[in-house]
N, C-alpha and C. Protein backbone atom coordinates (compact mmCIF):
# COMPACT_ATOMS: atom_id res chain seq x y z
N UNK A 1 22.65 -22.34 -33.70
CA UNK A 1 23.08 -20.97 -33.85
C UNK A 1 22.77 -20.53 -35.29
N UNK A 2 22.11 -19.38 -35.46
CA UNK A 2 21.77 -18.93 -36.81
C UNK A 2 23.01 -18.49 -37.59
N UNK A 3 22.89 -18.48 -38.89
CA UNK A 3 23.98 -18.07 -39.77
C UNK A 3 24.23 -16.57 -39.63
N UNK A 4 25.49 -16.21 -39.47
CA UNK A 4 25.90 -14.81 -39.34
C UNK A 4 26.93 -14.53 -40.42
N UNK A 5 26.74 -13.41 -41.13
CA UNK A 5 27.69 -13.02 -42.18
C UNK A 5 28.35 -11.71 -41.77
N UNK A 6 29.68 -11.70 -41.80
CA UNK A 6 30.46 -10.54 -41.38
C UNK A 6 31.39 -10.10 -42.51
N UNK A 7 31.46 -8.80 -42.72
CA UNK A 7 32.38 -8.21 -43.68
C UNK A 7 33.60 -7.70 -42.93
N UNK A 8 34.78 -8.16 -43.32
CA UNK A 8 36.03 -7.66 -42.78
C UNK A 8 36.69 -6.77 -43.81
N UNK A 9 37.19 -5.62 -43.37
CA UNK A 9 37.81 -4.66 -44.28
C UNK A 9 39.21 -4.31 -43.78
N UNK A 10 40.18 -4.46 -44.68
CA UNK A 10 41.55 -4.01 -44.42
C UNK A 10 41.75 -2.77 -45.28
N UNK A 11 41.50 -1.58 -44.71
CA UNK A 11 41.47 -0.36 -45.52
C UNK A 11 42.85 0.06 -46.04
N UNK A 12 42.83 0.64 -47.20
CA UNK A 12 44.02 1.21 -47.82
C UNK A 12 43.59 2.02 -49.02
N UNK A 13 44.34 3.03 -49.37
CA UNK A 13 43.95 3.88 -50.50
C UNK A 13 44.39 3.30 -51.84
N UNK A 14 45.40 2.45 -51.82
CA UNK A 14 45.87 1.82 -53.07
C UNK A 14 45.32 0.41 -53.22
N UNK A 15 45.16 -0.28 -52.08
CA UNK A 15 44.58 -1.63 -52.08
C UNK A 15 43.73 -1.76 -50.83
N UNK A 16 42.46 -2.03 -51.01
CA UNK A 16 41.53 -2.21 -49.90
C UNK A 16 41.06 -3.66 -49.91
N UNK A 17 41.53 -4.42 -48.94
CA UNK A 17 41.15 -5.83 -48.86
C UNK A 17 39.78 -5.99 -48.23
N UNK A 18 39.04 -6.98 -48.70
CA UNK A 18 37.74 -7.29 -48.11
C UNK A 18 37.57 -8.80 -48.02
N UNK A 19 36.87 -9.22 -46.99
CA UNK A 19 36.58 -10.64 -46.81
C UNK A 19 35.22 -10.77 -46.16
N UNK A 20 34.34 -11.52 -46.78
CA UNK A 20 33.01 -11.78 -46.24
C UNK A 20 33.00 -13.22 -45.78
N UNK A 21 32.80 -13.42 -44.48
CA UNK A 21 32.85 -14.76 -43.89
C UNK A 21 31.53 -15.04 -43.18
N UNK A 22 31.00 -16.23 -43.42
CA UNK A 22 29.76 -16.67 -42.76
C UNK A 22 30.10 -17.72 -41.71
N UNK A 23 29.40 -17.64 -40.59
CA UNK A 23 29.54 -18.67 -39.55
C UNK A 23 28.18 -19.27 -39.29
N UNK A 24 28.15 -20.58 -39.35
CA UNK A 24 26.94 -21.32 -39.00
C UNK A 24 27.38 -22.40 -38.03
N UNK A 25 27.00 -22.22 -36.77
CA UNK A 25 27.52 -23.10 -35.73
C UNK A 25 29.01 -22.84 -35.57
N UNK A 26 29.81 -23.89 -35.71
CA UNK A 26 31.26 -23.74 -35.60
C UNK A 26 31.92 -23.67 -36.98
N UNK A 27 31.14 -23.75 -38.03
CA UNK A 27 31.68 -23.79 -39.39
C UNK A 27 31.83 -22.38 -39.98
N UNK A 28 33.02 -22.10 -40.50
CA UNK A 28 33.30 -20.83 -41.17
C UNK A 28 33.39 -21.07 -42.67
N UNK A 29 32.76 -20.18 -43.44
CA UNK A 29 32.76 -20.28 -44.89
C UNK A 29 33.05 -18.91 -45.49
N UNK A 30 33.93 -18.87 -46.47
CA UNK A 30 34.20 -17.62 -47.19
C UNK A 30 33.09 -17.44 -48.22
N UNK A 31 32.37 -16.33 -48.09
CA UNK A 31 31.32 -15.98 -49.04
C UNK A 31 31.96 -15.31 -50.25
N UNK A 32 32.86 -14.37 -49.99
CA UNK A 32 33.54 -13.63 -51.06
C UNK A 32 34.73 -12.91 -50.44
N UNK A 33 35.79 -12.80 -51.20
CA UNK A 33 36.94 -12.03 -50.74
C UNK A 33 37.72 -11.52 -51.94
N UNK A 34 38.52 -10.49 -51.69
CA UNK A 34 39.32 -9.93 -52.76
C UNK A 34 39.96 -8.62 -52.33
N UNK A 35 40.43 -7.89 -53.32
CA UNK A 35 41.09 -6.61 -53.07
C UNK A 35 40.56 -5.60 -54.08
N UNK A 36 40.13 -4.46 -53.59
CA UNK A 36 39.72 -3.36 -54.46
C UNK A 36 40.97 -2.54 -54.78
N UNK A 37 41.28 -2.42 -56.06
CA UNK A 37 42.45 -1.67 -56.51
C UNK A 37 41.94 -0.55 -57.42
N UNK A 38 41.88 0.67 -56.89
CA UNK A 38 41.27 1.75 -57.66
C UNK A 38 42.12 2.30 -58.80
N UNK A 39 43.38 1.93 -58.88
CA UNK A 39 44.24 2.41 -59.96
C UNK A 39 45.04 3.63 -59.56
N UNK A 40 45.83 4.10 -60.49
CA UNK A 40 46.71 5.24 -60.23
C UNK A 40 45.96 6.53 -60.54
N UNK A 41 45.17 6.97 -59.59
CA UNK A 41 44.33 8.16 -59.74
C UNK A 41 44.62 9.12 -58.60
N UNK A 42 44.14 10.35 -58.70
CA UNK A 42 44.23 11.24 -57.54
C UNK A 42 43.46 10.65 -56.35
N UNK A 43 43.87 11.05 -55.16
CA UNK A 43 43.32 10.48 -53.92
C UNK A 43 41.79 10.49 -53.89
N UNK A 44 41.16 11.60 -54.19
CA UNK A 44 39.70 11.68 -54.11
C UNK A 44 39.03 10.66 -55.02
N UNK A 45 39.57 10.47 -56.20
CA UNK A 45 38.98 9.50 -57.13
C UNK A 45 39.21 8.07 -56.66
N UNK A 46 40.38 7.79 -56.09
CA UNK A 46 40.64 6.44 -55.54
C UNK A 46 39.65 6.14 -54.43
N UNK A 47 39.46 7.10 -53.52
CA UNK A 47 38.53 6.88 -52.41
C UNK A 47 37.11 6.69 -52.93
N UNK A 48 36.73 7.44 -53.96
CA UNK A 48 35.41 7.28 -54.56
C UNK A 48 35.21 5.90 -55.15
N UNK A 49 36.23 5.38 -55.81
CA UNK A 49 36.13 4.03 -56.38
C UNK A 49 36.04 2.96 -55.29
N UNK A 50 36.78 3.16 -54.21
CA UNK A 50 36.72 2.21 -53.10
C UNK A 50 35.32 2.24 -52.48
N UNK A 51 34.76 3.43 -52.30
CA UNK A 51 33.41 3.55 -51.76
C UNK A 51 32.40 2.83 -52.67
N UNK A 52 32.50 3.05 -53.97
CA UNK A 52 31.60 2.38 -54.91
C UNK A 52 31.75 0.86 -54.83
N UNK A 53 33.00 0.39 -54.74
CA UNK A 53 33.25 -1.05 -54.65
C UNK A 53 32.69 -1.66 -53.38
N UNK A 54 32.86 -0.95 -52.26
CA UNK A 54 32.32 -1.47 -50.99
C UNK A 54 30.80 -1.44 -50.98
N UNK A 55 30.21 -0.39 -51.56
CA UNK A 55 28.74 -0.33 -51.66
C UNK A 55 28.21 -1.53 -52.45
N UNK A 56 28.83 -1.81 -53.58
CA UNK A 56 28.40 -2.94 -54.42
C UNK A 56 28.58 -4.27 -53.69
N UNK A 57 29.70 -4.41 -52.99
CA UNK A 57 29.97 -5.63 -52.22
C UNK A 57 28.93 -5.84 -51.13
N UNK A 58 28.61 -4.80 -50.40
CA UNK A 58 27.63 -4.91 -49.32
C UNK A 58 26.26 -5.27 -49.88
N UNK A 59 25.89 -4.69 -51.02
CA UNK A 59 24.60 -5.02 -51.64
C UNK A 59 24.57 -6.48 -52.09
N UNK A 60 25.69 -6.99 -52.58
CA UNK A 60 25.76 -8.38 -53.06
C UNK A 60 25.78 -9.38 -51.92
N UNK A 61 26.66 -9.16 -50.94
CA UNK A 61 26.91 -10.14 -49.88
C UNK A 61 25.92 -10.04 -48.72
N UNK A 62 25.36 -8.87 -48.51
CA UNK A 62 24.41 -8.62 -47.43
C UNK A 62 24.90 -9.06 -46.05
N UNK A 63 26.04 -8.53 -45.63
CA UNK A 63 26.53 -8.89 -44.29
C UNK A 63 25.65 -8.26 -43.21
N UNK A 64 25.70 -8.86 -42.02
CA UNK A 64 24.94 -8.34 -40.89
C UNK A 64 25.75 -7.33 -40.10
N UNK A 65 27.09 -7.46 -40.16
CA UNK A 65 27.98 -6.60 -39.40
C UNK A 65 29.27 -6.39 -40.19
N UNK A 66 29.98 -5.33 -39.86
CA UNK A 66 31.26 -5.05 -40.49
C UNK A 66 32.33 -4.91 -39.42
N UNK A 67 33.53 -5.35 -39.75
CA UNK A 67 34.67 -5.19 -38.85
C UNK A 67 35.82 -4.58 -39.66
N UNK A 68 36.51 -3.63 -39.02
CA UNK A 68 37.55 -2.87 -39.70
C UNK A 68 38.79 -2.86 -38.81
N UNK A 69 39.95 -2.92 -39.45
CA UNK A 69 41.18 -2.84 -38.69
C UNK A 69 41.35 -1.42 -38.16
N UNK A 70 41.68 -1.32 -36.88
CA UNK A 70 41.89 -0.01 -36.25
C UNK A 70 43.20 0.59 -36.72
N UNK A 71 43.33 1.90 -36.56
CA UNK A 71 44.56 2.59 -36.93
C UNK A 71 45.67 2.13 -36.01
N UNK A 72 46.82 1.86 -36.58
CA UNK A 72 47.96 1.47 -35.76
C UNK A 72 48.95 2.62 -35.72
N UNK A 73 49.64 2.74 -34.61
CA UNK A 73 50.65 3.80 -34.50
C UNK A 73 51.97 3.27 -35.04
N UNK A 74 52.86 4.16 -35.30
CA UNK A 74 54.15 3.74 -35.82
C UNK A 74 54.31 4.11 -37.29
N UNK A 75 53.21 4.38 -37.95
CA UNK A 75 53.30 4.81 -39.35
C UNK A 75 53.70 6.28 -39.38
N UNK A 76 54.22 6.70 -40.51
CA UNK A 76 54.57 8.12 -40.64
C UNK A 76 53.28 8.94 -40.61
N UNK A 77 53.38 10.22 -40.27
CA UNK A 77 52.17 11.06 -40.24
C UNK A 77 51.41 11.05 -41.57
N UNK A 78 52.14 11.08 -42.68
CA UNK A 78 51.47 11.06 -44.00
C UNK A 78 50.75 9.74 -44.21
N UNK A 79 51.40 8.62 -43.88
CA UNK A 79 50.77 7.30 -44.03
C UNK A 79 49.53 7.18 -43.14
N UNK A 80 49.63 7.69 -41.92
CA UNK A 80 48.49 7.65 -41.00
C UNK A 80 47.32 8.46 -41.54
N UNK A 81 47.61 9.61 -42.14
CA UNK A 81 46.55 10.44 -42.71
C UNK A 81 45.86 9.73 -43.87
N UNK A 82 46.64 9.15 -44.77
CA UNK A 82 46.07 8.44 -45.92
C UNK A 82 45.27 7.23 -45.45
N UNK A 83 45.81 6.48 -44.49
CA UNK A 83 45.08 5.33 -43.95
C UNK A 83 43.79 5.78 -43.28
N UNK A 84 43.84 6.90 -42.57
CA UNK A 84 42.63 7.43 -41.93
C UNK A 84 41.56 7.79 -42.95
N UNK A 85 41.97 8.31 -44.09
CA UNK A 85 41.00 8.64 -45.13
C UNK A 85 40.36 7.37 -45.70
N UNK A 86 41.17 6.34 -45.92
CA UNK A 86 40.64 5.07 -46.44
C UNK A 86 39.72 4.41 -45.40
N UNK A 87 40.10 4.48 -44.12
CA UNK A 87 39.25 3.94 -43.06
C UNK A 87 37.92 4.69 -43.02
N UNK A 88 37.98 6.01 -43.21
CA UNK A 88 36.76 6.81 -43.22
C UNK A 88 35.80 6.36 -44.31
N UNK A 89 36.33 6.03 -45.47
CA UNK A 89 35.49 5.54 -46.57
C UNK A 89 34.87 4.19 -46.19
N UNK A 90 35.66 3.30 -45.59
CA UNK A 90 35.14 1.99 -45.18
C UNK A 90 34.05 2.15 -44.13
N UNK A 91 34.29 3.02 -43.15
CA UNK A 91 33.29 3.25 -42.10
C UNK A 91 32.03 3.87 -42.68
N UNK A 92 32.19 4.79 -43.63
CA UNK A 92 31.03 5.44 -44.25
C UNK A 92 30.21 4.45 -45.06
N UNK A 93 30.87 3.56 -45.80
CA UNK A 93 30.15 2.56 -46.59
C UNK A 93 29.32 1.65 -45.69
N UNK A 94 29.93 1.21 -44.58
CA UNK A 94 29.20 0.34 -43.65
C UNK A 94 28.06 1.09 -42.98
N UNK A 95 28.31 2.33 -42.56
CA UNK A 95 27.27 3.12 -41.89
C UNK A 95 26.12 3.42 -42.84
N UNK A 96 26.44 3.72 -44.09
CA UNK A 96 25.40 4.02 -45.07
C UNK A 96 24.49 2.81 -45.29
N UNK A 97 25.05 1.61 -45.16
CA UNK A 97 24.27 0.39 -45.31
C UNK A 97 23.56 -0.01 -44.02
N UNK A 98 23.80 0.75 -42.94
CA UNK A 98 23.14 0.46 -41.66
C UNK A 98 23.80 -0.67 -40.88
N UNK A 99 25.05 -0.99 -41.20
CA UNK A 99 25.74 -2.08 -40.51
C UNK A 99 26.42 -1.59 -39.24
N UNK A 100 26.31 -2.34 -38.15
CA UNK A 100 27.13 -2.00 -36.98
C UNK A 100 28.59 -2.27 -37.31
N UNK A 101 29.47 -1.39 -36.86
CA UNK A 101 30.89 -1.49 -37.21
C UNK A 101 31.69 -1.76 -35.94
N UNK A 102 32.63 -2.71 -36.04
CA UNK A 102 33.49 -3.08 -34.93
C UNK A 102 34.93 -2.91 -35.37
N UNK A 103 35.79 -2.46 -34.46
CA UNK A 103 37.19 -2.21 -34.80
C UNK A 103 38.10 -3.07 -33.93
N UNK A 104 39.17 -3.57 -34.55
CA UNK A 104 40.12 -4.43 -33.85
C UNK A 104 41.55 -4.00 -34.19
N UNK A 105 42.40 -4.02 -33.20
CA UNK A 105 43.82 -3.69 -33.40
C UNK A 105 44.47 -4.79 -34.22
N UNK A 106 45.47 -4.45 -35.03
CA UNK A 106 46.14 -5.47 -35.85
C UNK A 106 46.67 -6.65 -35.03
N UNK A 107 47.25 -6.39 -33.87
CA UNK A 107 47.78 -7.49 -33.05
C UNK A 107 46.67 -8.40 -32.54
N UNK A 108 45.51 -7.82 -32.23
CA UNK A 108 44.37 -8.63 -31.77
C UNK A 108 43.86 -9.52 -32.90
N UNK A 109 43.81 -8.98 -34.11
CA UNK A 109 43.37 -9.75 -35.28
C UNK A 109 44.33 -10.91 -35.51
N UNK A 110 45.63 -10.63 -35.49
CA UNK A 110 46.62 -11.68 -35.74
C UNK A 110 46.57 -12.76 -34.67
N UNK A 111 46.38 -12.36 -33.43
CA UNK A 111 46.30 -13.32 -32.34
C UNK A 111 45.07 -14.22 -32.49
N UNK A 112 43.93 -13.63 -32.82
CA UNK A 112 42.70 -14.42 -32.98
C UNK A 112 42.78 -15.34 -34.18
N UNK A 113 43.47 -14.91 -35.23
CA UNK A 113 43.49 -15.67 -36.48
C UNK A 113 44.57 -16.74 -36.50
N UNK A 114 45.78 -16.40 -36.01
CA UNK A 114 46.90 -17.34 -36.11
C UNK A 114 47.38 -17.87 -34.76
N UNK A 115 46.97 -17.20 -33.67
CA UNK A 115 47.49 -17.56 -32.36
C UNK A 115 48.78 -16.82 -32.03
N UNK A 116 49.21 -15.94 -32.95
CA UNK A 116 50.44 -15.18 -32.77
C UNK A 116 50.14 -13.72 -33.07
N UNK A 117 50.22 -12.85 -32.07
CA UNK A 117 49.92 -11.44 -32.25
C UNK A 117 50.92 -10.69 -33.11
N UNK A 118 52.02 -11.34 -33.46
CA UNK A 118 53.03 -10.70 -34.30
C UNK A 118 53.24 -11.47 -35.61
N UNK A 119 52.21 -12.17 -36.04
CA UNK A 119 52.30 -12.99 -37.26
C UNK A 119 52.65 -12.13 -38.46
N UNK A 120 53.47 -12.70 -39.33
CA UNK A 120 53.85 -12.02 -40.57
C UNK A 120 52.85 -12.29 -41.69
N UNK A 121 53.09 -11.67 -42.82
CA UNK A 121 52.19 -11.80 -43.97
C UNK A 121 52.09 -13.25 -44.44
N UNK A 122 53.20 -13.97 -44.48
CA UNK A 122 53.17 -15.37 -44.92
C UNK A 122 52.33 -16.23 -44.00
N UNK A 123 52.44 -16.02 -42.70
CA UNK A 123 51.66 -16.80 -41.76
C UNK A 123 50.17 -16.49 -41.89
N UNK A 124 49.83 -15.24 -42.16
CA UNK A 124 48.42 -14.86 -42.36
C UNK A 124 47.86 -15.55 -43.60
N UNK A 125 48.64 -15.57 -44.68
CA UNK A 125 48.21 -16.22 -45.91
C UNK A 125 48.04 -17.73 -45.70
N UNK A 126 48.99 -18.37 -45.02
CA UNK A 126 48.90 -19.82 -44.75
C UNK A 126 47.68 -20.14 -43.90
N UNK A 127 47.43 -19.32 -42.87
CA UNK A 127 46.29 -19.57 -42.00
C UNK A 127 44.98 -19.43 -42.76
N UNK A 128 44.88 -18.45 -43.65
CA UNK A 128 43.67 -18.29 -44.47
C UNK A 128 43.44 -19.53 -45.31
N UNK A 129 44.51 -20.10 -45.85
CA UNK A 129 44.37 -21.33 -46.66
C UNK A 129 43.94 -22.51 -45.79
N UNK A 130 44.58 -22.67 -44.64
CA UNK A 130 44.30 -23.82 -43.77
C UNK A 130 42.94 -23.71 -43.10
N UNK A 131 42.62 -22.57 -42.52
CA UNK A 131 41.41 -22.41 -41.73
C UNK A 131 40.16 -22.29 -42.59
N UNK A 132 40.28 -21.54 -43.70
CA UNK A 132 39.10 -21.23 -44.51
C UNK A 132 39.09 -21.89 -45.87
N UNK A 133 40.20 -22.50 -46.27
CA UNK A 133 40.28 -23.08 -47.60
C UNK A 133 40.34 -22.01 -48.68
N UNK A 134 40.64 -20.79 -48.29
CA UNK A 134 40.71 -19.67 -49.24
C UNK A 134 42.11 -19.62 -49.83
N UNK A 135 42.21 -19.00 -50.99
CA UNK A 135 43.51 -18.84 -51.63
C UNK A 135 43.74 -17.36 -51.93
N UNK A 136 43.91 -16.55 -50.87
CA UNK A 136 44.11 -15.12 -51.12
C UNK A 136 45.40 -14.87 -51.87
N UNK A 137 45.32 -13.98 -52.88
CA UNK A 137 46.49 -13.65 -53.66
C UNK A 137 47.36 -12.60 -53.02
N UNK A 138 46.75 -11.71 -52.24
CA UNK A 138 47.48 -10.63 -51.60
C UNK A 138 47.24 -10.66 -50.09
N UNK A 139 48.19 -10.12 -49.36
CA UNK A 139 48.06 -10.11 -47.90
C UNK A 139 46.88 -9.24 -47.46
N UNK A 140 46.50 -8.24 -48.26
CA UNK A 140 45.36 -7.40 -47.90
C UNK A 140 44.08 -8.23 -47.81
N UNK A 141 43.93 -9.17 -48.71
CA UNK A 141 42.76 -10.06 -48.71
C UNK A 141 42.79 -10.99 -47.50
N UNK A 142 43.96 -11.57 -47.21
CA UNK A 142 44.10 -12.45 -46.04
C UNK A 142 43.83 -11.67 -44.76
N UNK A 143 44.32 -10.44 -44.68
CA UNK A 143 44.09 -9.61 -43.50
C UNK A 143 42.60 -9.32 -43.32
N UNK A 144 41.89 -9.03 -44.41
CA UNK A 144 40.46 -8.75 -44.32
C UNK A 144 39.70 -9.99 -43.86
N UNK A 145 40.06 -11.16 -44.37
CA UNK A 145 39.43 -12.40 -43.90
C UNK A 145 39.71 -12.59 -42.41
N UNK A 146 40.94 -12.30 -41.98
CA UNK A 146 41.31 -12.43 -40.57
C UNK A 146 40.50 -11.47 -39.71
N UNK A 147 40.25 -10.27 -40.19
CA UNK A 147 39.46 -9.29 -39.42
C UNK A 147 38.04 -9.81 -39.24
N UNK A 148 37.47 -10.39 -40.28
CA UNK A 148 36.11 -10.96 -40.17
C UNK A 148 36.09 -12.13 -39.19
N UNK A 149 37.09 -13.00 -39.27
CA UNK A 149 37.16 -14.16 -38.37
C UNK A 149 37.37 -13.70 -36.93
N UNK A 150 38.21 -12.70 -36.73
CA UNK A 150 38.44 -12.15 -35.39
C UNK A 150 37.12 -11.66 -34.81
N UNK A 151 36.35 -10.95 -35.61
CA UNK A 151 35.06 -10.45 -35.11
C UNK A 151 34.13 -11.60 -34.77
N UNK A 152 34.07 -12.60 -35.62
CA UNK A 152 33.20 -13.74 -35.33
C UNK A 152 33.62 -14.44 -34.05
N UNK A 153 34.91 -14.49 -33.77
CA UNK A 153 35.41 -15.12 -32.54
C UNK A 153 35.08 -14.30 -31.30
N UNK A 154 35.05 -12.98 -31.45
CA UNK A 154 34.83 -12.09 -30.31
C UNK A 154 33.44 -11.46 -30.30
N UNK A 155 32.60 -11.90 -31.17
CA UNK A 155 31.30 -11.28 -31.41
C UNK A 155 30.44 -11.18 -30.15
N UNK A 156 30.47 -12.16 -29.28
CA UNK A 156 29.62 -12.14 -28.10
C UNK A 156 29.97 -10.98 -27.16
N UNK A 157 31.22 -10.54 -27.20
CA UNK A 157 31.66 -9.49 -26.29
C UNK A 157 31.96 -8.18 -27.00
N UNK A 158 31.77 -8.14 -28.31
CA UNK A 158 32.13 -6.95 -29.09
C UNK A 158 31.14 -5.82 -28.87
N UNK A 159 31.66 -4.61 -28.91
CA UNK A 159 30.86 -3.40 -28.76
C UNK A 159 31.05 -2.58 -30.03
N UNK A 160 29.96 -2.14 -30.67
CA UNK A 160 30.13 -1.34 -31.88
C UNK A 160 31.00 -0.12 -31.64
N UNK A 161 31.72 0.29 -32.69
CA UNK A 161 32.65 1.42 -32.58
C UNK A 161 31.95 2.72 -32.25
N UNK A 162 30.72 2.89 -32.68
CA UNK A 162 29.99 4.13 -32.41
C UNK A 162 28.50 3.83 -32.42
N UNK A 163 27.74 4.74 -31.85
CA UNK A 163 26.29 4.58 -31.89
C UNK A 163 25.67 4.82 -30.54
N UNK A 164 24.37 5.03 -30.56
CA UNK A 164 23.64 5.37 -29.35
C UNK A 164 23.62 4.22 -28.35
N UNK A 165 23.63 2.98 -28.83
CA UNK A 165 23.52 1.84 -27.95
C UNK A 165 24.85 1.33 -27.44
N UNK A 166 25.93 2.06 -27.66
CA UNK A 166 27.25 1.58 -27.28
C UNK A 166 27.38 1.33 -25.78
N UNK A 167 26.92 2.25 -24.96
CA UNK A 167 27.04 2.08 -23.51
C UNK A 167 26.22 0.90 -23.03
N UNK A 168 25.01 0.76 -23.55
CA UNK A 168 24.16 -0.36 -23.16
C UNK A 168 24.76 -1.69 -23.59
N UNK A 169 25.34 -1.71 -24.80
CA UNK A 169 25.97 -2.93 -25.29
C UNK A 169 27.19 -3.28 -24.44
N UNK A 170 27.94 -2.28 -24.03
CA UNK A 170 29.12 -2.51 -23.18
C UNK A 170 28.70 -3.08 -21.83
N UNK A 171 27.64 -2.52 -21.26
CA UNK A 171 27.15 -3.04 -19.97
C UNK A 171 26.67 -4.48 -20.12
N UNK A 172 25.97 -4.78 -21.21
CA UNK A 172 25.47 -6.15 -21.42
C UNK A 172 26.63 -7.12 -21.59
N UNK A 173 27.67 -6.73 -22.35
CA UNK A 173 28.83 -7.59 -22.54
C UNK A 173 29.56 -7.81 -21.22
N UNK A 174 29.70 -6.75 -20.44
CA UNK A 174 30.39 -6.86 -19.15
C UNK A 174 29.61 -7.75 -18.19
N UNK A 175 28.29 -7.71 -18.27
CA UNK A 175 27.46 -8.53 -17.39
C UNK A 175 27.64 -10.02 -17.69
N UNK A 176 28.00 -10.35 -18.95
CA UNK A 176 28.19 -11.76 -19.31
C UNK A 176 29.53 -12.29 -18.83
N UNK A 177 30.46 -11.41 -18.50
CA UNK A 177 31.77 -11.84 -18.02
C UNK A 177 31.65 -12.29 -16.57
N UNK A 178 32.37 -13.33 -16.24
CA UNK A 178 32.37 -13.82 -14.86
C UNK A 178 33.80 -13.82 -14.35
N UNK A 179 34.16 -12.79 -13.62
CA UNK A 179 35.54 -12.71 -13.14
C UNK A 179 35.85 -13.80 -12.11
N UNK A 180 37.09 -14.18 -12.10
CA UNK A 180 37.54 -15.18 -11.15
C UNK A 180 37.60 -14.55 -9.76
N UNK A 181 37.13 -15.25 -8.76
CA UNK A 181 37.16 -14.76 -7.38
C UNK A 181 38.30 -15.39 -6.59
N UNK A 182 39.01 -16.28 -7.20
CA UNK A 182 40.06 -16.99 -6.50
C UNK A 182 41.27 -16.07 -6.33
N UNK A 183 41.83 -16.09 -5.14
CA UNK A 183 43.02 -15.29 -4.84
C UNK A 183 44.24 -16.18 -5.06
N UNK A 184 45.06 -15.82 -6.04
CA UNK A 184 46.22 -16.63 -6.39
C UNK A 184 47.51 -16.19 -5.69
N UNK A 185 47.42 -15.19 -4.84
CA UNK A 185 48.65 -14.70 -4.21
C UNK A 185 49.27 -15.72 -3.27
N UNK A 186 48.48 -16.57 -2.67
CA UNK A 186 49.02 -17.53 -1.69
C UNK A 186 49.53 -18.81 -2.32
N UNK A 187 49.32 -19.04 -3.63
CA UNK A 187 49.77 -20.27 -4.24
C UNK A 187 51.20 -20.16 -4.70
N UNK A 188 51.98 -21.23 -4.59
CA UNK A 188 53.41 -21.17 -4.98
C UNK A 188 53.58 -21.10 -6.48
């Protein structure tokens, strides 16, 4: 299996976590990870600094694909708006670099990374240390690594978030699935 490099992004306007993970066969390696902290600036300037940081990261790491955490409900309307703006910057940086972008719900990321869809921040940090040998300082970094690992685990069936080939990719992924034909209603 050829080497695949994926960028995981945990978007935020105050702290944007990133994790670049390479997979070669069954081996996962952290290429680079960290947190972009734009400082105490007005929103537009913070988003601009995050965009510049992601552009530089993509140029350095040269990932083949990007994965981003999807918007979760339950946040206040203001928090959702700010998160949406930060996600927009992450999506724009990946699109500008020509990377296909994949989105995953937070519970799906946690389940793929730790085996627990409701894992807390401490469990995410521990799993990053155990699975990848990484030492993330902040949960944003661990979450970004988890997003990249989640994508690598689901890559064969993943469909890009947008693009002309989305329907064709979905049909191809569905064709690879083999549903069970066994009827379990009669078994005790």
